Amino acid sequence: MRTPKEQWVGTLGLALMLLIVITPLLPILPPSSVTYAADKEELIDINSATADQLKTLKGVGDATAEKIITGRPYAKKDELVQKKIMHRAAYEQIKYKIIAKQK
């Protein structure tokens, strides 16, 4: 019979072996098997969203929503910072919730 210490070491060894086998496979898993927080909510298109939709984003009020609308179209979402419509810190809080779709 194995001692508790031997059982613990055996369990730890098994866990490490599984980790070694599974880790290289992660990049080849189909995208549908991995979920991200942004997948659970609808992305807001900064090229077509209404002012009310934009104001649902953290840190975006009336003035910023109006600046976003006036500055359209955007080729990339980070143009909100490049065109000085938002400060980098505010952009960092919403960048995973927005998209800049092209027509």
C-alpha atoms as a PDB file:
ATOM      1  CA  MET A   1       0.000   0.000   0.000  1.00  0.00           C
ATOM      2  CA  ARG A   2       1.219   3.488  -0.855  1.00  0.00           C
ATOM      3  CA  THR A   3       1.690   6.172   1.731  1.00  0.00           C
ATOM      4  CA  PRO A   4      -0.246   9.440   1.404  1.00  0.00           C
ATOM      5  CA  LYS A   5       2.966  11.173   0.340  1.00  0.00           C
ATOM      6  CA  GLU A   6       3.543   8.613  -2.432  1.00  0.00           C
ATOM      7  CA  GLN A   7      -0.064   8.989  -3.600  1.00  0.00           C
ATOM      8  CA  TRP A   8       0.307  12.773  -3.695  1.00  0.00           C
ATOM      9  CA  VAL A   9       3.538  12.535  -5.705  1.00  0.00           C
ATOM     10  CA  GLY A  10       1.881  10.108  -8.112  1.00  0.00           C
ATOM     11  CA  THR A  11      -1.110  12.407  -8.587  1.00  0.00           C
ATOM     12  CA  LEU A  12       1.169  15.399  -9.146  1.00  0.00           C
ATOM     13  CA  GLY A  13       3.179  13.419 -11.705  1.00  0.00           C
ATOM     14  CA  LEU A  14       0.020  12.460 -13.587  1.00  0.00           C
ATOM     15  CA  ALA A  15      -1.170  16.073 -13.620  1.00  0.00           C
ATOM     16  CA  LEU A  16       2.180  17.246 -15.005  1.00  0.00           C
ATOM     17  CA  MET A  17       2.121  14.583 -17.727  1.00  0.00           C
ATOM     18  CA  LEU A  18      -1.378  15.682 -18.794  1.00  0.00           C
ATOM     19  CA  LEU A  19      -0.247  19.303 -18.882  1.00  0.00           C
ATOM     20  CA  ILE A  20       2.756  18.386 -21.045  1.00  0.00           C
ATOM     21  CA  VAL A  21       0.545  16.469 -23.484  1.00  0.00           C
ATOM     22  CA  ILE A  22      -2.329  18.987 -23.702  1.00  0.00           C
ATOM     23  CA  THR A  23      -0.400  22.293 -23.845  1.00  0.00           C
ATOM     24  CA  PRO A  24       1.039  21.823 -27.379  1.00  0.00           C
ATOM     25  CA  LEU A  25      -2.446  20.977 -28.659  1.00  0.00           C
ATOM     26  CA  LEU A  26      -4.048  24.259 -27.554  1.00  0.00           C
ATOM     27  CA  PRO A  27      -3.074  26.266 -30.671  1.00  0.00           C
ATOM     28  CA  ILE A  28      -4.653  23.655 -32.972  1.00  0.00           C
ATOM     29  CA  LEU A  29      -7.973  23.382 -31.188  1.00  0.00           C
ATOM     30  CA  PRO A  30     -10.850  24.691 -33.302  1.00  0.00           C
ATOM     31  CA  PRO A  31     -11.779  28.300 -32.432  1.00  0.00           C
ATOM     32  CA  SER A  32     -15.283  27.260 -31.401  1.00  0.00           C
ATOM     33  CA  SER A  33     -13.849  25.270 -28.505  1.00  0.00           C
ATOM     34  CA  VAL A  34     -12.263  28.362 -26.949  1.00  0.00           C
ATOM     35  CA  THR A  35     -14.530  31.147 -25.705  1.00  0.00           C
ATOM     36  CA  TYR A  36     -13.554  34.684 -24.883  1.00  0.00           C
ATOM     37  CA  ALA A  37     -15.398  37.307 -22.854  1.00  0.00           C
ATOM     38  CA  ALA A  38     -15.917  39.423 -25.982  1.00  0.00           C
ATOM     39  CA  ASP A  39     -17.715  36.493 -27.674  1.00  0.00           C
ATOM     40  CA  LYS A  40     -20.474  36.618 -25.089  1.00  0.00           C
ATOM     41  CA  GLU A  41     -21.550  40.138 -25.908  1.00  0.00           C
ATOM     42  CA  GLU A  42     -22.153  41.925 -29.171  1.00  0.00           C
ATOM     43  CA  LEU A  43     -19.296  44.120 -30.403  1.00  0.00           C
ATOM     44  CA  ILE A  44     -20.209  47.735 -31.116  1.00  0.00           C
ATOM     45  CA  ASP A  45     -19.236  48.950 -34.583  1.00  0.00           C
ATOM     46  CA  ILE A  46     -17.804  52.454 -34.188  1.00  0.00           C
ATOM     47  CA  ASN A  47     -18.531  53.127 -37.872  1.00  0.00           C
ATOM     48  CA  SER A  48     -22.277  52.601 -37.606  1.00  0.00           C
ATOM     49  CA  ALA A  49     -23.333  52.688 -33.935  1.00  0.00           C
ATOM     50  CA  THR A  50     -25.777  55.302 -32.723  1.00  0.00           C
ATOM     51  CA  ALA A  51     -24.838  57.760 -29.998  1.00  0.00           C
ATOM     52  CA  ASP A  52     -26.954  55.777 -27.527  1.00  0.00           C
ATOM     53  CA  GLN A  53     -25.144  52.552 -28.415  1.00  0.00           C
ATOM     54  CA  LEU A  54     -21.753  54.221 -28.019  1.00  0.00           C
ATOM     55  CA  LYS A  55     -22.754  55.646 -24.634  1.00  0.00           C
ATOM     56  CA  THR A  56     -23.197  52.101 -23.301  1.00  0.00           C
ATOM     57  CA  LEU A  57     -19.400  51.827 -23.361  1.00  0.00           C
ATOM     58  CA  LYS A  58     -17.556  52.671 -20.158  1.00  0.00           C
ATOM     59  CA  GLY A  59     -16.197  56.208 -20.259  1.00  0.00           C
ATOM     60  CA  VAL A  60     -18.161  57.270 -23.341  1.00  0.00           C
ATOM     61  CA  GLY A  61     -20.574  60.106 -22.688  1.00  0.00           C
ATOM     62  CA  ASP A  62     -22.452  62.516 -24.922  1.00  0.00           C
ATOM     63  CA  ALA A  63     -19.368  64.480 -26.007  1.00  0.00           C
ATOM     64  CA  THR A  64     -17.207  61.439 -26.789  1.00  0.00           C
ATOM     65  CA  ALA A  65     -20.032  59.683 -28.633  1.00  0.00           C
ATOM     66  CA  GLU A  66     -20.487  62.796 -30.780  1.00  0.00           C
ATOM     67  CA  LYS A  67     -16.716  62.954 -31.480  1.00  0.00           C
ATOM     68  CA  ILE A  68     -16.720  59.292 -32.523  1.00  0.00           C
ATOM     69  CA  ILE A  69     -19.615  59.862 -34.909  1.00  0.00           C
ATOM     70  CA  THR A  70     -18.056  63.034 -36.359  1.00  0.00           C
ATOM     71  CA  GLY A  71     -14.686  61.311 -36.909  1.00  0.00           C
ATOM     72  CA  ARG A  72     -16.083  58.505 -39.052  1.00  0.00           C
ATOM     73  CA  PRO A  73     -15.104  56.438 -40.961  1.00  0.00           C
ATOM     74  CA  TYR A  74     -12.439  54.467 -39.095  1.00  0.00           C
ATOM     75  CA  ALA A  75     -10.219  51.892 -40.818  1.00  0.00           C
ATOM     76  CA  LYS A  76      -9.071  50.531 -37.445  1.00  0.00           C
ATOM     77  CA  LYS A  77     -10.556  50.917 -34.000  1.00  0.00           C
ATOM     78  CA  ASP A  78      -7.318  52.311 -32.535  1.00  0.00           C
ATOM     79  CA  GLU A  79      -7.830  55.421 -34.669  1.00  0.00           C
ATOM     80  CA  LEU A  80      -9.953  56.661 -31.756  1.00  0.00           C
ATOM     81  CA  VAL A  81      -6.628  57.325 -30.014  1.00  0.00           C
ATOM     82  CA  GLN A  82      -4.680  58.341 -33.122  1.00  0.00           C
ATOM     83  CA  LYS A  83      -7.295  60.968 -34.035  1.00  0.00           C
ATOM     84  CA  LYS A  84      -7.331  62.145 -30.390  1.00  0.00           C
ATOM     85  CA  ILE A  85     -10.992  61.314 -29.924  1.00  0.00           C
ATOM     86  CA  MET A  86     -10.209  59.294 -26.777  1.00  0.00           C
ATOM     87  CA  HIS A  87      -7.304  59.075 -24.375  1.00  0.00           C
ATOM     88  CA  ARG A  88      -5.358  55.819 -24.422  1.00  0.00           C
ATOM     89  CA  ALA A  89      -6.561  54.849 -20.912  1.00  0.00           C
ATOM     90  CA  ALA A  90     -10.229  55.171 -21.888  1.00  0.00           C
ATOM     91  CA  TYR A  91      -9.623  53.269 -25.134  1.00  0.00           C
ATOM     92  CA  GLU A  92      -7.916  50.421 -23.261  1.00  0.00           C
ATOM     93  CA  GLN A  93     -11.106  49.925 -21.232  1.00  0.00           C
ATOM     94  CA  ILE A  94     -13.324  49.482 -24.298  1.00  0.00           C
ATOM     95  CA  LYS A  95     -11.080  48.097 -27.041  1.00  0.00           C
ATOM     96  CA  TYR A  96     -12.391  44.544 -26.618  1.00  0.00           C
ATOM     97  CA  LYS A  97     -15.986  45.718 -26.928  1.00  0.00           C
ATOM     98  CA  ILE A  98     -15.691  47.642 -30.203  1.00  0.00           C
ATOM     99  CA  ILE A  99     -14.956  46.930 -33.834  1.00  0.00           C
ATOM    100  CA  ALA A 100     -14.462  49.089 -36.944  1.00  0.00           C
ATOM    101  CA  LYS A 101     -16.247  47.247 -39.748  1.00  0.00           C
ATOM    102  CA  GLN A 102     -15.574  48.235 -43.329  1.00  0.00           C
ATOM    103  CA  LYS A 103     -18.281  48.503 -45.992  1.00  0.00           C
END
